[in-house]
PDB file of all heavy atoms in Angstrom:
ATOM      1  N   VAL A   1      -5.276  54.064  41.211  1.00  0.00           N
ATOM      2  CA  VAL A   1      -5.284  52.848  42.075  1.00  0.00           C
ATOM      3  C   VAL A   1      -5.051  53.431  43.534  1.00  0.00           C
ATOM      4  O   VAL A   1      -4.451  54.444  43.788  1.00  0.00           O
ATOM      5  CB  VAL A   1      -4.149  51.892  41.688  1.00  0.00           C
ATOM      6  CG1 VAL A   1      -2.781  52.491  41.932  1.00  0.00           C
ATOM      7  CG2 VAL A   1      -4.368  50.564  42.460  1.00  0.00           C
ATOM      8  N   GLN A   2      -5.596  52.626  44.441  1.00  0.00           N
ATOM      9  CA  GLN A   2      -5.303  53.029  45.887  1.00  0.00           C
ATOM     10  C   GLN A   2      -3.971  52.536  46.282  1.00  0.00           C
ATOM     11  O   GLN A   2      -3.318  51.660  45.628  1.00  0.00           O
ATOM     12  CB  GLN A   2      -6.415  52.332  46.747  1.00  0.00           C
ATOM     13  CG  GLN A   2      -7.729  52.918  46.509  1.00  0.00           C
ATOM     14  CD  GLN A   2      -8.786  52.346  47.579  1.00  0.00           C
ATOM     15  OE1 GLN A   2      -8.468  51.515  48.362  1.00  0.00           O
ATOM     16  NE2 GLN A   2      -9.997  52.818  47.487  1.00  0.00           N
ATOM     17  N   ALA A   3      -3.395  53.197  47.312  1.00  0.00           N
ATOM     18  CA  ALA A   3      -2.193  52.824  47.887  1.00  0.00           C
ATOM     19  C   ALA A   3      -2.115  51.406  48.180  1.00  0.00           C
ATOM     20  O   ALA A   3      -3.009  50.804  48.773  1.00  0.00           O
ATOM     21  CB  ALA A   3      -1.835  53.681  49.100  1.00  0.00           C
ATOM     22  N   GLY A   4      -0.975  50.692  47.820  1.00  0.00           N
ATOM     23  CA  GLY A   4      -0.798  49.242  48.042  1.00  0.00           C
ATOM     24  C   GLY A   4      -1.225  48.462  46.823  1.00  0.00           C
ATOM     25  O   GLY A   4      -0.979  47.220  46.772  1.00  0.00           O
ATOM     26  N   GLY A   5      -1.850  49.071  45.832  1.00  0.00           N
ATOM     27  CA  GLY A   5      -2.338  48.436  44.671  1.00  0.00           C
ATOM     28  C   GLY A   5      -1.236  48.238  43.657  1.00  0.00           C
ATOM     29  O   GLY A   5      -0.102  48.719  43.844  1.00  0.00           O
ATOM     30  N   SER A   6      -1.600  47.689  42.475  1.00  0.00           N
ATOM     31  CA  SER A   6      -0.705  47.443  41.437  1.00  0.00           C
ATOM     32  C   SER A   6      -1.176  48.008  40.099  1.00  0.00           C
ATOM     33  O   SER A   6      -2.349  48.018  39.819  1.00  0.00           O
ATOM     34  CB  SER A   6      -0.382  45.936  41.263  1.00  0.00           C
ATOM     35  OG  SER A   6       0.149  45.433  42.525  1.00  0.00           O
ATOM     36  N   LEU A   7      -0.222  48.311  39.194  1.00  0.00           N
ATOM     37  CA  LEU A   7      -0.541  48.669  37.846  1.00  0.00           C
ATOM     38  C   LEU A   7       0.682  48.161  37.032  1.00  0.00           C
ATOM     39  O   LEU A   7       1.707  48.010  37.437  1.00  0.00           O
ATOM     40  CB  LEU A   7      -0.622  50.180  37.631  1.00  0.00           C
ATOM     41  CG  LEU A   7      -1.924  50.883  38.169  1.00  0.00           C
ATOM     42  CD1 LEU A   7      -1.612  52.384  38.125  1.00  0.00           C
ATOM     43  CD2 LEU A   7      -3.105  50.407  37.427  1.00  0.00           C
ATOM     44  N   ARG A   8       0.279  47.885  35.679  1.00  0.00           N
ATOM     45  CA  ARG A   8       1.268  47.441  34.773  1.00  0.00           C
ATOM     46  C   ARG A   8       1.287  48.354  33.621  1.00  0.00           C
ATOM     47  O   ARG A   8       0.262  48.477  32.843  1.00  0.00           O
ATOM     48  CB  ARG A   8       1.017  46.016  34.363  1.00  0.00           C
ATOM     49  CG  ARG A   8       2.122  45.367  33.434  1.00  0.00           C
ATOM     50  CD  ARG A   8       1.777  43.900  33.159  1.00  0.00           C
ATOM     51  NE  ARG A   8       2.852  43.274  32.323  1.00  0.00           N
ATOM     52  CZ  ARG A   8       4.014  42.712  32.887  1.00  0.00           C
ATOM     53  NH1 ARG A   8       4.098  42.634  34.168  1.00  0.00           N
ATOM     54  NH2 ARG A   8       4.828  42.110  32.071  1.00  0.00           N
ATOM     55  N   LEU A   9       2.351  49.014  33.370  1.00  0.00           N
ATOM     56  CA  LEU A   9       2.541  49.900  32.188  1.00  0.00           C
ATOM     57  C   LEU A   9       3.217  49.147  31.063  1.00  0.00           C
ATOM     58  O   LEU A   9       4.034  48.274  31.250  1.00  0.00           O
ATOM     59  CB  LEU A   9       3.351  51.083  32.553  1.00  0.00           C
ATOM     60  CG  LEU A   9       2.977  52.008  33.749  1.00  0.00           C
ATOM     61  CD1 LEU A   9       3.888  53.162  33.972  1.00  0.00           C
ATOM     62  CD2 LEU A   9       1.521  52.432  33.522  1.00  0.00           C
ATOM     63  N   SER A  10       2.771  49.422  29.878  1.00  0.00           N
ATOM     64  CA  SER A  10       3.415  48.814  28.713  1.00  0.00           C
ATOM     65  C   SER A  10       3.756  49.928  27.673  1.00  0.00           C
ATOM     66  O   SER A  10       3.095  50.867  27.541  1.00  0.00           O
ATOM     67  CB  SER A  10       2.394  47.850  28.025  1.00  0.00           C
ATOM     68  OG  SER A  10       2.960  47.161  26.932  1.00  0.00           O
ATOM     69  N   CYS A  11       4.931  49.688  27.091  1.00  0.00           N
ATOM     70  CA  CYS A  11       5.426  50.618  26.051  1.00  0.00           C
ATOM     71  C   CYS A  11       5.585  49.824  24.769  1.00  0.00           C
ATOM     72  O   CYS A  11       6.382  48.914  24.664  1.00  0.00           O
ATOM     73  CB  CYS A  11       6.824  51.215  26.489  1.00  0.00           C
ATOM     74  SG  CYS A  11       7.537  52.306  25.272  1.00  0.00           S
ATOM     75  N   ALA A  12       4.845  50.109  23.789  1.00  0.00           N
ATOM     76  CA  ALA A  12       4.828  49.570  22.422  1.00  0.00           C
ATOM     77  C   ALA A  12       5.772  50.407  21.565  1.00  0.00           C
ATOM     78  O   ALA A  12       5.579  51.528  21.447  1.00  0.00           O
ATOM     79  CB  ALA A  12       3.546  49.373  21.840  1.00  0.00           C
ATOM     80  N   ALA A  13       6.698  49.658  20.875  1.00  0.00           N
ATOM     81  CA  ALA A  13       7.612  50.308  19.999  1.00  0.00           C
ATOM     82  C   ALA A  13       7.346  49.907  18.535  1.00  0.00           C
ATOM     83  O   ALA A  13       7.017  48.847  18.162  1.00  0.00           O
ATOM     84  CB  ALA A  13       9.095  49.945  20.401  1.00  0.00           C
ATOM     85  N   SER A  14       7.643  50.991  17.683  1.00  0.00           N
ATOM     86  CA  SER A  14       7.624  50.787  16.237  1.00  0.00           C
ATOM     87  C   SER A  14       8.824  51.474  15.645  1.00  0.00           C
ATOM     88  O   SER A  14       9.286  52.499  16.159  1.00  0.00           O
ATOM     89  CB  SER A  14       6.310  51.333  15.685  1.00  0.00           C
ATOM     90  OG  SER A  14       6.203  52.819  15.812  1.00  0.00           O
ATOM     91  N   GLY A  15       9.337  50.863  14.559  1.00  0.00           N
ATOM     92  CA  GLY A  15      10.488  51.431  13.969  1.00  0.00           C
ATOM     93  C   GLY A  15      11.789  51.062  14.640  1.00  0.00           C
ATOM     94  O   GLY A  15      12.827  51.619  14.339  1.00  0.00           O
ATOM     95  N   MET A  16      11.739  50.160  15.706  1.00  0.00           N
ATOM     96  CA  MET A  16      12.994  49.810  16.322  1.00  0.00           C
ATOM     97  C   MET A  16      12.761  48.424  17.028  1.00  0.00           C
ATOM     98  O   MET A  16      11.647  47.937  17.162  1.00  0.00           O
ATOM     99  CB  MET A  16      13.328  50.747  17.457  1.00  0.00           C
ATOM    100  CG  MET A  16      12.306  50.922  18.510  1.00  0.00           C
ATOM    101  SD  MET A  16      12.729  51.979  19.837  1.00  0.00           S
ATOM    102  CE  MET A  16      13.783  50.844  20.771  1.00  0.00           C
ATOM    103  N   THR A  17      13.849  47.775  17.381  1.00  0.00           N
ATOM    104  CA  THR A  17      13.767  46.469  18.119  1.00  0.00           C
ATOM    105  C   THR A  17      14.309  46.788  19.504  1.00  0.00           C
ATOM    106  O   THR A  17      15.444  47.220  19.697  1.00  0.00           O
ATOM    107  CB  THR A  17      14.608  45.380  17.471  1.00  0.00           C
ATOM    108  OG1 THR A  17      14.046  45.207  16.069  1.00  0.00           O
ATOM    109  CG2 THR A  17      14.504  44.181  18.250  1.00  0.00           C
ATOM    110  N   TYR A  18      13.496  46.478  20.525  1.00  0.00           N
ATOM    111  CA  TYR A  18      13.833  46.848  21.949  1.00  0.00           C
ATOM    112  C   TYR A  18      15.167  46.138  22.395  1.00  0.00           C
ATOM    113  O   TYR A  18      15.834  46.648  23.196  1.00  0.00           O
ATOM    114  CB  TYR A  18      12.653  46.364  22.823  1.00  0.00           C
ATOM    115  CG  TYR A  18      11.679  47.456  23.094  1.00  0.00           C
ATOM    116  CD1 TYR A  18      10.835  47.853  22.075  1.00  0.00           C
ATOM    117  CD2 TYR A  18      11.548  48.043  24.358  1.00  0.00           C
ATOM    118  CE1 TYR A  18       9.917  48.903  22.219  1.00  0.00           C
ATOM    119  CE2 TYR A  18      10.572  48.963  24.522  1.00  0.00           C
ATOM    120  CZ  TYR A  18       9.783  49.387  23.553  1.00  0.00           C
ATOM    121  OH  TYR A  18       8.895  50.410  23.748  1.00  0.00           O
ATOM    122  N   SER A  19      15.508  44.924  21.911  1.00  0.00           N
ATOM    123  CA  SER A  19      16.603  44.220  22.373  1.00  0.00           C
ATOM    124  C   SER A  19      17.906  44.868  22.037  1.00  0.00           C
ATOM    125  O   SER A  19      18.973  44.544  22.608  1.00  0.00           O
ATOM    126  CB  SER A  19      16.610  42.752  21.748  1.00  0.00           C
ATOM    127  OG  SER A  19      16.714  42.840  20.313  1.00  0.00           O
ATOM    128  N   HIS A  20      18.013  45.830  21.129  1.00  0.00           N
ATOM    129  CA  HIS A  20      19.127  46.480  20.751  1.00  0.00           C
ATOM    130  C   HIS A  20      19.328  47.875  21.336  1.00  0.00           C
ATOM    131  O   HIS A  20      20.225  48.653  21.027  1.00  0.00           O
ATOM    132  CB  HIS A  20      19.175  46.669  19.235  1.00  0.00           C
ATOM    133  CG  HIS A  20      19.138  45.440  18.466  1.00  0.00           C
ATOM    134  ND1 HIS A  20      20.006  44.335  18.817  1.00  0.00           N
ATOM    135  CD2 HIS A  20      18.469  44.929  17.410  1.00  0.00           C
ATOM    136  CE1 HIS A  20      19.827  43.326  17.932  1.00  0.00           C
ATOM    137  NE2 HIS A  20      18.835  43.684  17.099  1.00  0.00           N
ATOM    138  N   TYR A  21      18.442  48.214  22.326  1.00  0.00           N
ATOM    139  CA  TYR A  21      18.478  49.521  22.963  1.00  0.00           C
ATOM    140  C   TYR A  21      18.586  49.458  24.472  1.00  0.00           C
ATOM    141  O   TYR A  21      18.106  48.425  25.094  1.00  0.00           O
ATOM    142  CB  TYR A  21      17.255  50.282  22.590  1.00  0.00           C
ATOM    143  CG  TYR A  21      17.173  50.778  21.105  1.00  0.00           C
ATOM    144  CD1 TYR A  21      16.876  49.982  20.072  1.00  0.00           C
ATOM    145  CD2 TYR A  21      17.554  52.031  20.768  1.00  0.00           C
ATOM    146  CE1 TYR A  21      16.853  50.397  18.813  1.00  0.00           C
ATOM    147  CE2 TYR A  21      17.644  52.544  19.473  1.00  0.00           C
ATOM    148  CZ  TYR A  21      17.165  51.673  18.457  1.00  0.00           C
ATOM    149  OH  TYR A  21      17.180  52.104  17.213  1.00  0.00           O
ATOM    150  N   CYS A  22      19.000  50.593  25.071  1.00  0.00           N
ATOM    151  CA  CYS A  22      18.731  50.733  26.510  1.00  0.00           C
ATOM    152  C   CYS A  22      17.325  51.431  26.507  1.00  0.00           C
ATOM    153  O   CYS A  22      17.130  52.418  25.758  1.00  0.00           O
ATOM    154  CB  CYS A  22      19.777  51.682  27.034  1.00  0.00           C
ATOM    155  SG  CYS A  22      19.456  52.482  28.683  1.00  0.00           S
ATOM    156  N   MET A  23      16.603  51.049  27.394  1.00  0.00           N
ATOM    157  CA  MET A  23      15.217  51.635  27.476  1.00  0.00           C
ATOM    158  C   MET A  23      14.645  51.490  28.942  1.00  0.00           C
ATOM    159  O   MET A  23      15.175  50.754  29.797  1.00  0.00           O
ATOM    160  CB  MET A  23      14.293  50.860  26.568  1.00  0.00           C
ATOM    161  CG  MET A  23      14.130  49.351  26.926  1.00  0.00           C
ATOM    162  SD  MET A  23      13.415  48.516  25.464  1.00  0.00           S
ATOM    163  CE  MET A  23      14.777  48.442  24.328  1.00  0.00           C
ATOM    164  N   GLY A  24      13.666  52.328  29.223  1.00  0.00           N
ATOM    165  CA  GLY A  24      13.147  52.349  30.515  1.00  0.00           C
ATOM    166  C   GLY A  24      12.064  53.342  30.705  1.00  0.00           C
ATOM    167  O   GLY A  24      11.385  53.791  29.739  1.00  0.00           O
ATOM    168  N   TRP A  25      11.941  53.798  31.929  1.00  0.00           N
ATOM    169  CA  TRP A  25      10.792  54.558  32.377  1.00  0.00           C
ATOM    170  C   TRP A  25      11.352  55.732  33.141  1.00  0.00           C
ATOM    171  O   TRP A  25      12.151  55.616  34.087  1.00  0.00           O
ATOM    172  CB  TRP A  25       9.706  53.926  33.081  1.00  0.00           C
ATOM    173  CG  TRP A  25       8.989  52.929  32.233  1.00  0.00           C
ATOM    174  CD1 TRP A  25       9.337  51.652  32.008  1.00  0.00           C
ATOM    175  CD2 TRP A  25       7.719  53.160  31.519  1.00  0.00           C
ATOM    176  NE1 TRP A  25       8.361  50.994  31.236  1.00  0.00           N
ATOM    177  CE2 TRP A  25       7.420  51.913  30.923  1.00  0.00           C
ATOM    178  CE3 TRP A  25       6.885  54.201  31.341  1.00  0.00           C
ATOM    179  CZ2 TRP A  25       6.225  51.800  30.073  1.00  0.00           C
ATOM    180  CZ3 TRP A  25       5.681  54.095  30.541  1.00  0.00           C
ATOM    181  CH2 TRP A  25       5.390  52.817  29.999  1.00  0.00           C
ATOM    182  N   PHE A  26      10.821  57.045  32.894  1.00  0.00           N
ATOM    183  CA  PHE A  26      11.032  58.171  33.670  1.00  0.00           C
ATOM    184  C   PHE A  26       9.621  58.622  34.176  1.00  0.00           C
ATOM    185  O   PHE A  26       8.668  58.269  33.596  1.00  0.00           O
ATOM    186  CB  PHE A  26      11.696  59.291  32.840  1.00  0.00           C
ATOM    187  CG  PHE A  26      13.193  59.140  32.773  1.00  0.00           C
ATOM    188  CD1 PHE A  26      13.711  58.032  31.952  1.00  0.00           C
ATOM    189  CD2 PHE A  26      14.147  59.873  33.448  1.00  0.00           C
ATOM    190  CE1 PHE A  26      15.105  57.854  31.829  1.00  0.00           C
ATOM    191  CE2 PHE A  26      15.505  59.787  33.302  1.00  0.00           C
ATOM    192  CZ  PHE A  26      15.971  58.805  32.459  1.00  0.00           C
ATOM    193  N   ARG A  27       9.677  59.444  35.125  1.00  0.00           N
ATOM    194  CA  ARG A  27       8.380  59.997  35.720  1.00  0.00           C
ATOM    195  C   ARG A  27       8.566  61.445  36.138  1.00  0.00           C
ATOM    196  O   ARG A  27       9.718  61.850  36.539  1.00  0.00           O
ATOM    197  CB  ARG A  27       7.795  59.168  36.765  1.00  0.00           C
ATOM    198  CG  ARG A  27       8.681  59.048  38.070  1.00  0.00           C
ATOM    199  CD  ARG A  27       8.034  58.152  39.092  1.00  0.00           C
ATOM    200  NE  ARG A  27       8.924  58.003  40.307  1.00  0.00           N
ATOM    201  CZ  ARG A  27       8.573  57.223  41.223  1.00  0.00           C
ATOM    202  NH1 ARG A  27       7.600  56.343  41.196  1.00  0.00           N
ATOM    203  NH2 ARG A  27       9.312  57.165  42.368  1.00  0.00           N
ATOM    204  N   GLN A  28       7.494  62.179  36.080  1.00  0.00           N
ATOM    205  CA  GLN A  28       7.492  63.524  36.463  1.00  0.00           C
ATOM    206  C   GLN A  28       6.160  63.940  37.104  1.00  0.00           C
ATOM    207  O   GLN A  28       5.076  63.897  36.439  1.00  0.00           O
ATOM    208  CB  GLN A  28       7.864  64.508  35.294  1.00  0.00           C
ATOM    209  CG  GLN A  28       8.000  65.939  35.650  1.00  0.00           C
ATOM    210  CD  GLN A  28       8.476  66.753  34.546  1.00  0.00           C
ATOM    211  OE1 GLN A  28       8.268  66.421  33.357  1.00  0.00           O
ATOM    212  NE2 GLN A  28       9.065  67.895  34.871  1.00  0.00           N
ATOM    213  N   ALA A  29       6.158  64.355  38.348  1.00  0.00           N
ATOM    214  CA  ALA A  29       5.084  64.813  39.111  1.00  0.00           C
ATOM    215  C   ALA A  29       4.861  66.319  38.861  1.00  0.00           C
ATOM    216  O   ALA A  29       5.855  67.030  38.598  1.00  0.00           O
ATOM    217  CB  ALA A  29       5.154  64.522  40.560  1.00  0.00           C
ATOM    218  N   PRO A  30       3.683  66.811  38.948  1.00  0.00           N
ATOM    219  CA  PRO A  30       3.469  68.203  38.815  1.00  0.00           C
ATOM    220  C   PRO A  30       4.327  69.100  39.676  1.00  0.00           C
ATOM    221  O   PRO A  30       4.470  68.811  40.975  1.00  0.00           O
ATOM    222  CB  PRO A  30       1.918  68.439  39.170  1.00  0.00           C
ATOM    223  CG  PRO A  30       1.411  67.111  38.899  1.00  0.00           C
ATOM    224  CD  PRO A  30       2.392  66.067  39.275  1.00  0.00           C
ATOM    225  N   GLY A  31       5.014  70.016  39.144  1.00  0.00           N
ATOM    226  CA  GLY A  31       5.947  70.909  39.929  1.00  0.00           C
ATOM    227  C   GLY A  31       7.230  70.299  40.336  1.00  0.00           C
ATOM    228  O   GLY A  31       8.028  70.932  41.028  1.00  0.00           O
ATOM    229  N   GLN A  32       7.486  69.105  39.874  1.00  0.00           N
ATOM    230  CA  GLN A  32       8.735  68.419  40.268  1.00  0.00           C
ATOM    231  C   GLN A  32       9.574  68.118  39.000  1.00  0.00           C
ATOM    232  O   GLN A  32       9.100  68.209  37.837  1.00  0.00           O
ATOM    233  CB  GLN A  32       8.440  67.050  40.908  1.00  0.00           C
ATOM    234  CG  GLN A  32       7.492  67.088  42.151  1.00  0.00           C
ATOM    235  CD  GLN A  32       8.104  67.868  43.208  1.00  0.00           C
ATOM    236  OE1 GLN A  32       9.312  67.711  43.534  1.00  0.00           O
ATOM    237  NE2 GLN A  32       7.408  68.795  43.917  1.00  0.00           N
ATOM    238  N   GLU A  33      10.836  67.741  39.173  1.00  0.00           N
ATOM    239  CA  GLU A  33      11.746  67.468  38.055  1.00  0.00           C
ATOM    240  C   GLU A  33      11.504  66.067  37.583  1.00  0.00           C
ATOM    241  O   GLU A  33      10.944  65.223  38.231  1.00  0.00           O
ATOM    242  CB  GLU A  33      13.183  67.625  38.551  1.00  0.00           C
ATOM    243  CG  GLU A  33      13.594  66.763  39.608  1.00  0.00           C
ATOM    244  CD  GLU A  33      15.047  67.009  40.023  1.00  0.00           C
ATOM    245  OE1 GLU A  33      15.635  67.979  39.631  1.00  0.00           O
ATOM    246  OE2 GLU A  33      15.564  66.191  40.832  1.00  0.00           O
ATOM    247  N   ARG A  34      11.896  65.720  36.425  1.00  0.00           N
ATOM    248  CA  ARG A  34      11.719  64.467  35.771  1.00  0.00           C
ATOM    249  C   ARG A  34      12.885  63.473  36.334  1.00  0.00           C
ATOM    250  O   ARG A  34      14.056  63.933  36.359  1.00  0.00           O
ATOM    251  CB  ARG A  34      11.763  64.605  34.252  1.00  0.00           C
ATOM    252  CG  ARG A  34      11.539  63.264  33.580  1.00  0.00           C
ATOM    253  CD  ARG A  34      11.386  63.495  32.059  1.00  0.00           C
ATOM    254  NE  ARG A  34      10.285  64.448  31.720  1.00  0.00           N
ATOM    255  CZ  ARG A  34       9.785  64.718  30.557  1.00  0.00           C
ATOM    256  NH1 ARG A  34      10.510  64.235  29.529  1.00  0.00           N
ATOM    257  NH2 ARG A  34       8.889  65.617  30.322  1.00  0.00           N
ATOM    258  N   ASP A  35      12.413  62.309  36.779  1.00  0.00           N
ATOM    259  CA  ASP A  35      13.406  61.465  37.419  1.00  0.00           C
ATOM    260  C   ASP A  35      13.412  60.130  36.737  1.00  0.00           C
ATOM    261  O   ASP A  35      12.239  59.629  36.223  1.00  0.00           O
ATOM    262  CB  ASP A  35      13.124  61.285  38.936  1.00  0.00           C
ATOM    263  CG  ASP A  35      13.302  62.500  39.705  1.00  0.00           C
ATOM    264  OD1 ASP A  35      14.272  63.241  39.516  1.00  0.00           O
ATOM    265  OD2 ASP A  35      12.496  62.816  40.639  1.00  0.00           O
ATOM    266  N   GLY A  36      14.461  59.438  36.699  1.00  0.00           N
ATOM    267  CA  GLY A  36      14.527  58.016  36.235  1.00  0.00           C
ATOM    268  C   GLY A  36      13.881  57.082  37.230  1.00  0.00           C
ATOM    269  O   GLY A  36      13.944  57.246  38.353  1.00  0.00           O
ATOM    270  N   VAL A  37      13.181  56.074  36.673  1.00  0.00           N
ATOM    271  CA  VAL A  37      12.517  55.093  37.479  1.00  0.00           C
ATOM    272  C   VAL A  37      13.297  53.754  37.423  1.00  0.00           C
ATOM    273  O   VAL A  37      13.778  53.254  38.482  1.00  0.00           O
ATOM    274  CB  VAL A  37      11.029  54.811  37.072  1.00  0.00           C
ATOM    275  CG1 VAL A  37      10.395  53.758  37.878  1.00  0.00           C
ATOM    276  CG2 VAL A  37      10.223  56.219  37.127  1.00  0.00           C
ATOM    277  N   GLU A  38      13.361  53.175  36.258  1.00  0.00           N
ATOM    278  CA  GLU A  38      14.171  51.979  36.066  1.00  0.00           C
ATOM    279  C   GLU A  38      14.467  51.881  34.561  1.00  0.00           C
ATOM    280  O   GLU A  38      13.721  52.161  33.701  1.00  0.00           O
ATOM    281  CB  GLU A  38      13.442  50.766  36.489  1.00  0.00           C
ATOM    282  CG  GLU A  38      14.134  49.518  36.449  1.00  0.00           C
ATOM    283  CD  GLU A  38      13.449  48.323  37.312  1.00  0.00           C
ATOM    284  OE1 GLU A  38      12.405  48.614  37.738  1.00  0.00           O
ATOM    285  OE2 GLU A  38      14.136  47.286  37.489  1.00  0.00           O
ATOM    286  N   VAL A  39      15.652  51.361  34.281  1.00  0.00           N
ATOM    287  CA  VAL A  39      16.101  51.154  32.881  1.00  0.00           C
ATOM    288  C   VAL A  39      16.724  49.764  32.771  1.00  0.00           C
ATOM    289  O   VAL A  39      17.197  49.131  33.701  1.00  0.00           O
ATOM    290  CB  VAL A  39      17.141  52.184  32.413  1.00  0.00           C
ATOM    291  CG1 VAL A  39      16.510  53.606  32.442  1.00  0.00           C
ATOM    292  CG2 VAL A  39      18.384  52.069  33.309  1.00  0.00           C
ATOM    293  N   ILE A  40      16.685  49.338  31.487  1.00  0.00           N
ATOM    294  CA  ILE A  40      17.265  48.003  31.164  1.00  0.00           C
ATOM    295  C   ILE A  40      18.190  48.122  29.900  1.00  0.00           C
ATOM    296  O   ILE A  40      17.660  48.665  28.872  1.00  0.00           O
ATOM    297  CB  ILE A  40      16.307  46.956  31.042  1.00  0.00           C
ATOM    298  CG1 ILE A  40      16.894  45.501  30.807  1.00  0.00           C
ATOM    299  CG2 ILE A  40      15.258  47.220  29.979  1.00  0.00           C
ATOM    300  CD1 ILE A  40      15.953  44.387  30.903  1.00  0.00           C
ATOM    301  N   ASP A  41      19.377  47.614  29.908  1.00  0.00           N
ATOM    302  CA  ASP A  41      20.202  47.749  28.797  1.00  0.00           C
ATOM    303  C   ASP A  41      20.147  46.568  27.853  1.00  0.00           C
ATOM    304  O   ASP A  41      19.347  45.657  28.169  1.00  0.00           O
ATOM    305  CB  ASP A  41      21.691  47.913  29.305  1.00  0.00           C
ATOM    306  CG  ASP A  41      22.513  48.694  28.291  1.00  0.00           C
ATOM    307  OD1 ASP A  41      22.171  48.922  27.160  1.00  0.00           O
ATOM    308  OD2 ASP A  41      23.587  49.162  28.715  1.00  0.00           O
ATOM    309  N   SER A  42      20.685  46.692  26.692  1.00  0.00           N
ATOM    310  CA  SER A  42      20.582  45.593  25.647  1.00  0.00           C
ATOM    311  C   SER A  42      21.114  44.259  26.250  1.00  0.00           C
ATOM    312  O   SER A  42      20.810  43.188  25.711  1.00  0.00           O
ATOM    313  CB  SER A  42      21.323  46.008  24.396  1.00  0.00           C
ATOM    314  OG  SER A  42      22.685  46.203  24.591  1.00  0.00           O
ATOM    315  N   ASP A  43      21.968  44.240  27.190  1.00  0.00           N
ATOM    316  CA  ASP A  43      22.577  42.999  27.765  1.00  0.00           C
ATOM    317  C   ASP A  43      21.764  42.513  28.888  1.00  0.00           C
ATOM    318  O   ASP A  43      22.154  41.491  29.546  1.00  0.00           O
ATOM    319  CB  ASP A  43      24.039  43.261  28.223  1.00  0.00           C
ATOM    320  CG  ASP A  43      24.256  44.288  29.277  1.00  0.00           C
ATOM    321  OD1 ASP A  43      23.237  44.832  29.771  1.00  0.00           O
ATOM    322  OD2 ASP A  43      25.361  44.536  29.751  1.00  0.00           O
ATOM    323  N   GLY A  44      20.724  43.143  29.133  1.00  0.00           N
ATOM    324  CA  GLY A  44      19.762  42.755  30.274  1.00  0.00           C
ATOM    325  C   GLY A  44      20.005  43.344  31.640  1.00  0.00           C
ATOM    326  O   GLY A  44      19.296  43.110  32.579  1.00  0.00           O
TER     327      GLY A  44
END
């Protein structure tokens, strides 16, 4: 996408229920370390 645009990522789970877990997204650019983006806990 071009700068200023939008994307929506989706993560489908099997073998677990999302509401009972802490979950989120990390990202890693080439040559860079892996960093946390955003997480959500079971309590919201």
